[in-house]
Amino acid sequence: MSYEEKGTWQYLVIAVVGYAVYLSLVVPQFAGGAAVGEVDYVPAMLWTIGGAILAAIVLRIVVEVVVPSDSTRGDVRDRDIDRFGDRIGNWLVVAGALGALVLAMLETEWFWIANVVYLCFVLSAIVSSVARLIAYRRGVPAW
């Protein structure tokens, strides 16, 4: 498995685990009967995003120490797969921005605006990672 493919697997796992941790911190507040305006989501969101960044760095180092790659330089195929994954996943970032814009125009609670943006970032990471992993196995589609 190439260095880039290992990194894609790590990115996928960290995106899923990071968002699951965020949900495990925020959802119980709703279960406790807190209103949307009272949910303390900002620290949870900031810590999980920061933790995901730190986890990505540490995991990348640990995996390369335990299972070193032959080379850390990507080739043309890696760049094509990376572009393919970005094209597939970036539409979710745009959808999140548009969703947040609409919610802001409707003057909804900041909680919903922030969570739409965060969810779409996570979904973009998941979809782009899955697209890249499929491309590593089947090749980049010729569109």
Protein backbone atom coordinates (compact mmCIF):
# COMPACT_ATOMS: atom_id res chain seq x y z
CA MET A 1 0.00 0.00 0.00
CA SER A 2 1.41 3.37 -1.00
CA TYR A 3 2.12 6.23 1.35
CA GLU A 4 -0.76 8.25 -0.13
CA GLU A 5 -3.24 5.38 0.15
CA LYS A 6 -2.30 4.85 3.81
CA GLY A 7 -2.85 8.54 4.39
CA THR A 8 -6.28 8.33 2.79
CA TRP A 9 -7.30 5.48 5.09
CA GLN A 10 -6.10 7.47 8.09
CA TYR A 11 -7.98 10.59 6.95
CA LEU A 12 -11.17 8.55 6.58
CA VAL A 13 -10.88 6.95 10.02
CA ILE A 14 -10.04 10.24 11.74
CA ALA A 15 -12.97 12.03 10.07
CA VAL A 16 -15.43 9.37 11.21
CA VAL A 17 -14.02 9.00 14.73
CA GLY A 18 -13.65 12.75 15.22
CA TYR A 19 -17.27 13.42 14.28
CA ALA A 20 -18.45 10.51 16.43
CA VAL A 21 -16.61 12.04 19.39
CA TYR A 22 -18.22 15.41 18.68
CA LEU A 23 -21.68 13.84 18.54
CA SER A 24 -21.00 11.94 21.77
CA LEU A 25 -20.28 15.28 23.46
CA VAL A 26 -23.19 17.26 22.01
CA VAL A 27 -26.09 14.81 21.68
CA PRO A 28 -26.30 14.03 25.43
CA GLN A 29 -26.96 17.73 26.05
CA PHE A 30 -30.12 17.41 23.96
CA ALA A 31 -31.03 14.22 25.79
CA GLY A 32 -30.72 16.16 29.03
CA GLY A 33 -33.38 18.56 27.81
CA ALA A 34 -31.18 21.51 26.82
CA ALA A 35 -32.63 23.93 24.30
CA VAL A 36 -30.67 24.57 21.09
CA GLY A 37 -29.49 27.95 22.34
CA GLU A 38 -28.17 26.39 25.54
CA VAL A 39 -26.12 23.60 23.94
CA ASP A 40 -22.42 24.21 24.56
CA TYR A 41 -21.20 23.02 21.16
CA VAL A 42 -18.35 25.46 20.48
CA PRO A 43 -15.74 23.95 22.83
CA ALA A 44 -16.68 20.42 21.71
CA MET A 45 -16.36 21.40 18.06
CA LEU A 46 -13.05 23.20 18.52
CA TRP A 47 -11.55 20.38 20.60
CA THR A 48 -12.64 17.65 18.19
CA ILE A 49 -11.33 19.55 15.16
CA GLY A 50 -8.04 20.27 16.95
CA GLY A 51 -7.87 16.69 18.20
CA ALA A 52 -8.45 15.37 14.69
CA ILE A 53 -5.59 17.49 13.35
CA LEU A 54 -3.28 16.29 16.12
CA ALA A 55 -4.42 12.68 15.68
CA ALA A 56 -3.74 12.89 11.94
CA ILE A 57 -0.16 14.02 12.56
CA VAL A 58 0.53 11.43 15.24
CA LEU A 59 -1.16 8.59 13.36
CA ARG A 60 0.77 9.40 10.18
CA ILE A 61 4.05 9.21 12.08
CA VAL A 62 3.15 6.04 13.99
CA VAL A 63 1.98 4.19 10.87
CA GLU A 64 5.14 5.13 8.98
CA VAL A 65 7.33 3.95 11.87
CA VAL A 66 5.45 0.65 12.21
CA VAL A 67 4.84 -0.02 8.50
CA PRO A 68 7.23 2.18 6.50
CA SER A 69 6.43 3.01 2.89
CA ASP A 70 8.97 2.52 0.15
CA SER A 71 8.64 6.18 -0.80
CA THR A 72 6.75 9.20 0.48
CA ARG A 73 6.73 10.82 -2.95
CA GLY A 74 3.51 10.58 -4.90
CA ASP A 75 3.51 9.76 -8.58
CA VAL A 76 1.20 10.83 -11.41
CA ARG A 77 -1.38 8.22 -10.42
CA ASP A 78 -1.47 9.53 -6.84
CA ARG A 79 -1.98 13.10 -8.08
CA ASP A 80 -4.79 12.00 -10.42
CA ILE A 81 -6.49 10.08 -7.63
CA ASP A 82 -6.12 13.05 -5.28
CA ARG A 83 -7.72 15.39 -7.84
CA PHE A 84 -10.49 12.86 -8.46
CA GLY A 85 -11.25 12.62 -4.74
CA ASP A 86 -11.27 16.40 -4.40
CA ARG A 87 -13.71 16.77 -7.31
CA ILE A 88 -16.04 14.19 -5.80
CA GLY A 89 -15.91 15.58 -2.24
CA ASN A 90 -15.80 19.33 -2.81
CA TRP A 91 -19.44 19.61 -3.83
CA LEU A 92 -20.33 18.81 -0.21
CA VAL A 93 -18.32 21.78 1.03
CA VAL A 94 -20.20 24.00 -1.42
CA ALA A 95 -23.51 22.48 -0.30
CA GLY A 96 -22.59 23.15 3.32
CA ALA A 97 -21.70 26.76 2.56
CA LEU A 98 -24.97 27.25 0.70
CA GLY A 99 -26.91 25.56 3.49
CA ALA A 100 -25.25 27.79 6.09
CA LEU A 101 -25.98 30.84 3.96
CA VAL A 102 -29.66 29.94 3.75
CA LEU A 103 -29.81 29.24 7.49
CA ALA A 104 -28.16 32.60 8.21
CA MET A 105 -30.67 34.37 5.97
CA LEU A 106 -33.47 32.63 7.87
CA GLU A 107 -31.81 33.82 11.10
CA THR A 108 -31.67 30.35 12.64
CA GLU A 109 -29.66 29.54 15.74
CA TRP A 110 -25.90 29.64 15.30
CA PHE A 111 -25.81 26.03 16.47
CA TRP A 112 -27.51 24.86 13.29
CA ILE A 113 -25.35 27.00 11.01
CA ALA A 114 -22.11 25.76 12.58
CA ASN A 115 -23.27 22.16 12.58
CA VAL A 116 -24.32 22.20 8.92
CA VAL A 117 -20.87 23.49 7.97
CA TYR A 118 -19.09 20.95 10.19
CA LEU A 119 -21.23 18.05 8.98
CA CYS A 120 -20.56 18.93 5.36
CA PHE A 121 -16.81 19.14 6.01
CA VAL A 122 -16.94 15.67 7.55
CA LEU A 123 -19.10 14.28 4.75
CA SER A 124 -16.72 15.78 2.20
CA ALA A 125 -13.77 14.08 3.92
CA ILE A 126 -15.60 10.75 3.98
CA VAL A 127 -16.87 10.89 0.39
CA SER A 128 -13.56 12.09 -1.04
CA SER A 129 -11.64 9.43 0.91
CA VAL A 130 -13.95 6.64 -0.25
CA ALA A 131 -13.68 7.89 -3.85
CA ARG A 132 -9.88 7.88 -3.58
CA LEU A 133 -9.80 4.39 -2.09
CA ILE A 134 -12.06 3.08 -4.87
CA ALA A 135 -9.80 4.78 -7.42
CA TYR A 136 -6.75 3.08 -5.88
CA ARG A 137 -8.42 -0.30 -6.45
CA ARG A 138 -10.22 0.26 -9.77
CA GLY A 139 -8.40 3.23 -11.31
CA VAL A 140 -9.51 6.76 -12.03
CA PRO A 141 -12.58 6.88 -14.27
CA ALA A 142 -12.02 8.47 -17.68
CA TRP A 143 -14.78 11.05 -17.81
